[in-house]
């Protein structure tokens, strides 16, 4: 699933959260975030050595997947 920052803001507000957009310009609001299932084998840590496994999903900037991802779930072994 791909969502813009603007759509994520709308979703957060739908969930009852308050979103602070200070310092975010209109172009940044159109940046897309991709949300996918975490690979079953997990992810490599920042050193590229240790596998870390997460339940749920991961998110990353659609245009820059090489910049890394953010887990959306709990870590497990």
N, C-alpha and C. Protein backbone atom coordinates (compact mmCIF):
# COMPACT_ATOMS: atom_id res chain seq x y z
N UNK A 1 0.84 -1.16 0.00
CA UNK A 1 0.00 0.00 0.00
C UNK A 1 0.89 1.23 0.00
N UNK A 2 0.55 2.21 -0.80
CA UNK A 2 1.26 3.48 -0.82
C UNK A 2 0.32 4.58 -0.35
N UNK A 3 0.79 5.38 0.61
CA UNK A 3 0.02 6.50 1.14
C UNK A 3 0.88 7.75 1.12
N UNK A 4 0.28 8.90 0.80
CA UNK A 4 1.01 10.15 0.90
C UNK A 4 1.06 10.56 2.38
N UNK A 5 1.96 11.47 2.69
CA UNK A 5 2.03 12.00 4.06
C UNK A 5 0.69 12.64 4.42
N UNK A 6 0.06 13.30 3.47
CA UNK A 6 -1.25 13.91 3.70
C UNK A 6 -2.29 12.85 4.06
N UNK A 7 -2.27 11.71 3.37
CA UNK A 7 -3.22 10.65 3.68
C UNK A 7 -2.93 10.03 5.05
N UNK A 8 -1.65 9.91 5.39
CA UNK A 8 -1.28 9.38 6.70
C UNK A 8 -1.76 10.33 7.80
N UNK A 9 -1.64 11.63 7.55
CA UNK A 9 -2.16 12.63 8.50
C UNK A 9 -3.66 12.44 8.69
N UNK A 10 -4.39 12.29 7.59
CA UNK A 10 -5.84 12.08 7.67
C UNK A 10 -6.17 10.81 8.45
N UNK A 11 -5.41 9.75 8.22
CA UNK A 11 -5.64 8.48 8.92
C UNK A 11 -5.36 8.63 10.42
N UNK A 12 -4.28 9.33 10.76
CA UNK A 12 -3.96 9.55 12.18
C UNK A 12 -5.06 10.35 12.87
N UNK A 13 -5.57 11.37 12.18
CA UNK A 13 -6.65 12.18 12.76
C UNK A 13 -7.93 11.35 12.89
N UNK A 14 -8.18 10.47 11.94
CA UNK A 14 -9.33 9.56 12.02
C UNK A 14 -9.22 8.67 13.26
N UNK A 15 -7.99 8.30 13.62
CA UNK A 15 -7.74 7.45 14.78
C UNK A 15 -7.75 8.25 16.09
N UNK A 16 -7.99 9.56 16.00
CA UNK A 16 -8.11 10.39 17.19
C UNK A 16 -6.83 11.07 17.62
N UNK A 17 -5.81 11.04 16.78
CA UNK A 17 -4.52 11.65 17.13
C UNK A 17 -4.46 13.09 16.64
N UNK A 18 -3.60 13.87 17.29
CA UNK A 18 -3.31 15.23 16.86
C UNK A 18 -1.99 15.21 16.11
N UNK A 19 -1.95 15.83 14.94
CA UNK A 19 -0.76 15.81 14.10
C UNK A 19 -0.17 17.21 14.03
N UNK A 20 1.10 17.35 14.36
CA UNK A 20 1.81 18.63 14.29
C UNK A 20 2.56 18.68 12.96
N UNK A 21 2.19 19.59 12.09
CA UNK A 21 2.82 19.70 10.77
C UNK A 21 3.79 20.87 10.67
N UNK A 22 4.22 21.38 11.81
CA UNK A 22 5.15 22.51 11.80
C UNK A 22 6.41 22.12 11.04
N UNK A 23 6.79 22.95 10.08
CA UNK A 23 8.01 22.72 9.31
C UNK A 23 7.82 21.81 8.10
N UNK A 24 6.62 21.33 7.86
CA UNK A 24 6.34 20.46 6.71
C UNK A 24 5.71 21.32 5.61
N UNK A 25 6.32 21.32 4.42
CA UNK A 25 5.74 22.10 3.33
C UNK A 25 4.83 21.24 2.45
N UNK A 26 4.12 21.88 1.53
CA UNK A 26 3.12 21.20 0.69
C UNK A 26 3.74 20.08 -0.14
N UNK A 27 4.95 20.28 -0.66
CA UNK A 27 5.60 19.24 -1.46
C UNK A 27 5.87 17.99 -0.64
N UNK A 28 6.30 18.18 0.60
CA UNK A 28 6.58 17.04 1.48
C UNK A 28 5.30 16.27 1.80
N UNK A 29 4.17 16.95 1.85
CA UNK A 29 2.90 16.29 2.15
C UNK A 29 2.51 15.30 1.05
N UNK A 30 3.07 15.46 -0.14
CA UNK A 30 2.76 14.56 -1.25
C UNK A 30 3.76 13.42 -1.38
N UNK A 31 4.79 13.38 -0.53
CA UNK A 31 5.73 12.26 -0.53
C UNK A 31 4.98 10.99 -0.18
N UNK A 32 5.32 9.90 -0.87
CA UNK A 32 4.63 8.63 -0.63
C UNK A 32 5.44 7.72 0.27
N UNK A 33 4.72 7.06 1.16
CA UNK A 33 5.28 6.03 2.03
C UNK A 33 4.69 4.69 1.59
N UNK A 34 5.55 3.71 1.39
CA UNK A 34 5.10 2.36 1.07
C UNK A 34 5.02 1.55 2.36
N UNK A 35 3.94 0.80 2.52
CA UNK A 35 3.76 -0.08 3.68
C UNK A 35 3.58 -1.49 3.14
N UNK A 36 4.48 -2.39 3.57
CA UNK A 36 4.45 -3.78 3.10
C UNK A 36 4.65 -4.72 4.29
N UNK A 37 4.32 -5.98 4.10
CA UNK A 37 4.59 -6.98 5.13
C UNK A 37 6.10 -7.10 5.34
N UNK A 38 6.51 -7.25 6.58
CA UNK A 38 7.92 -7.47 6.87
C UNK A 38 8.33 -8.82 6.27
N UNK A 39 9.50 -8.89 5.61
CA UNK A 39 9.94 -10.17 5.07
C UNK A 39 10.01 -11.24 6.17
N UNK A 40 9.64 -12.47 5.84
CA UNK A 40 9.64 -13.55 6.83
C UNK A 40 11.02 -13.79 7.41
N UNK A 41 12.07 -13.54 6.62
CA UNK A 41 13.44 -13.74 7.09
C UNK A 41 13.93 -12.58 7.94
N UNK A 42 13.16 -11.53 8.05
CA UNK A 42 13.54 -10.37 8.84
C UNK A 42 14.36 -9.37 8.05
N UNK A 43 14.96 -8.44 8.76
CA UNK A 43 15.75 -7.36 8.16
C UNK A 43 17.14 -7.36 8.77
N UNK A 44 18.10 -6.82 8.04
CA UNK A 44 19.44 -6.65 8.61
C UNK A 44 19.47 -5.37 9.43
N UNK A 45 20.24 -5.38 10.52
CA UNK A 45 20.38 -4.19 11.35
C UNK A 45 21.24 -3.15 10.63
N UNK A 46 21.51 -2.01 11.29
CA UNK A 46 22.28 -0.93 10.68
C UNK A 46 23.69 -1.36 10.28
N UNK A 47 24.25 -2.36 10.96
CA UNK A 47 25.58 -2.85 10.61
C UNK A 47 25.54 -3.83 9.46
N UNK A 48 24.34 -4.25 9.06
CA UNK A 48 24.21 -5.20 7.96
C UNK A 48 24.58 -6.61 8.33
N UNK A 49 24.60 -6.93 9.64
CA UNK A 49 25.05 -8.24 10.09
C UNK A 49 23.94 -9.07 10.74
N UNK A 50 23.21 -8.48 11.65
CA UNK A 50 22.25 -9.22 12.46
C UNK A 50 20.86 -9.11 11.86
N UNK A 51 20.19 -10.24 11.76
CA UNK A 51 18.80 -10.21 11.29
C UNK A 51 17.88 -9.85 12.45
N UNK A 52 16.96 -8.95 12.19
CA UNK A 52 15.95 -8.54 13.15
C UNK A 52 14.61 -8.88 12.53
N UNK A 53 13.76 -9.54 13.29
CA UNK A 53 12.45 -9.92 12.78
C UNK A 53 11.37 -9.10 13.46
N UNK A 54 10.38 -8.73 12.71
CA UNK A 54 9.27 -7.94 13.22
C UNK A 54 7.96 -8.60 12.84
N UNK A 55 6.98 -8.43 13.70
CA UNK A 55 5.64 -8.82 13.32
C UNK A 55 5.07 -7.65 12.53
N UNK A 56 4.11 -7.90 11.74
CA UNK A 56 3.43 -6.81 11.06
C UNK A 56 4.11 -6.33 9.79
N UNK A 57 4.24 -5.03 9.68
CA UNK A 57 4.65 -4.39 8.45
C UNK A 57 5.91 -3.54 8.63
N UNK A 58 6.44 -3.10 7.51
CA UNK A 58 7.51 -2.11 7.49
C UNK A 58 7.08 -0.97 6.57
N UNK A 59 7.65 0.21 6.79
CA UNK A 59 7.33 1.37 5.97
C UNK A 59 8.63 2.01 5.48
N UNK A 60 8.59 2.54 4.27
CA UNK A 60 9.76 3.24 3.71
C UNK A 60 9.28 4.26 2.69
N UNK A 61 10.14 5.26 2.43
CA UNK A 61 9.80 6.25 1.42
C UNK A 61 9.83 5.58 0.06
N UNK A 62 8.73 5.65 -0.67
CA UNK A 62 8.58 4.95 -1.94
C UNK A 62 9.68 5.30 -2.94
N UNK A 63 10.09 6.56 -2.97
CA UNK A 63 11.10 6.99 -3.93
C UNK A 63 12.52 6.63 -3.49
N UNK A 64 12.72 6.31 -2.21
CA UNK A 64 14.07 6.06 -1.70
C UNK A 64 14.13 4.80 -0.83
N UNK A 65 13.77 3.64 -1.36
CA UNK A 65 13.79 2.43 -0.53
C UNK A 65 15.18 2.08 -0.02
N UNK A 66 16.20 2.52 -0.72
CA UNK A 66 17.57 2.23 -0.31
C UNK A 66 17.97 2.97 0.96
N UNK A 67 17.16 3.95 1.37
CA UNK A 67 17.46 4.72 2.58
C UNK A 67 17.04 3.98 3.85
N UNK A 68 16.40 2.84 3.70
CA UNK A 68 16.02 2.04 4.85
C UNK A 68 14.54 2.10 5.14
N UNK A 69 14.16 1.36 6.17
CA UNK A 69 12.73 1.25 6.49
C UNK A 69 12.53 1.41 7.99
N UNK A 70 11.27 1.52 8.34
CA UNK A 70 10.88 1.66 9.76
C UNK A 70 9.90 0.53 10.07
N UNK A 71 10.16 -0.25 11.11
CA UNK A 71 9.23 -1.34 11.45
C UNK A 71 7.93 -0.81 12.03
N UNK A 72 6.85 -1.49 11.70
CA UNK A 72 5.54 -1.16 12.25
C UNK A 72 5.02 -2.41 12.97
N UNK A 73 5.61 -2.71 14.06
CA UNK A 73 5.24 -3.90 14.82
C UNK A 73 6.32 -4.19 15.84
N UNK A 74 6.08 -5.22 16.61
CA UNK A 74 7.01 -5.59 17.67
C UNK A 74 8.12 -6.49 17.14
N UNK A 75 9.31 -6.34 17.70
CA UNK A 75 10.45 -7.20 17.34
C UNK A 75 10.27 -8.56 18.03
N UNK A 76 10.65 -9.62 17.34
CA UNK A 76 10.64 -10.95 17.94
C UNK A 76 11.88 -11.70 17.49
N UNK A 77 12.18 -12.77 18.19
CA UNK A 77 13.38 -13.56 17.88
C UNK A 77 13.00 -14.75 17.05
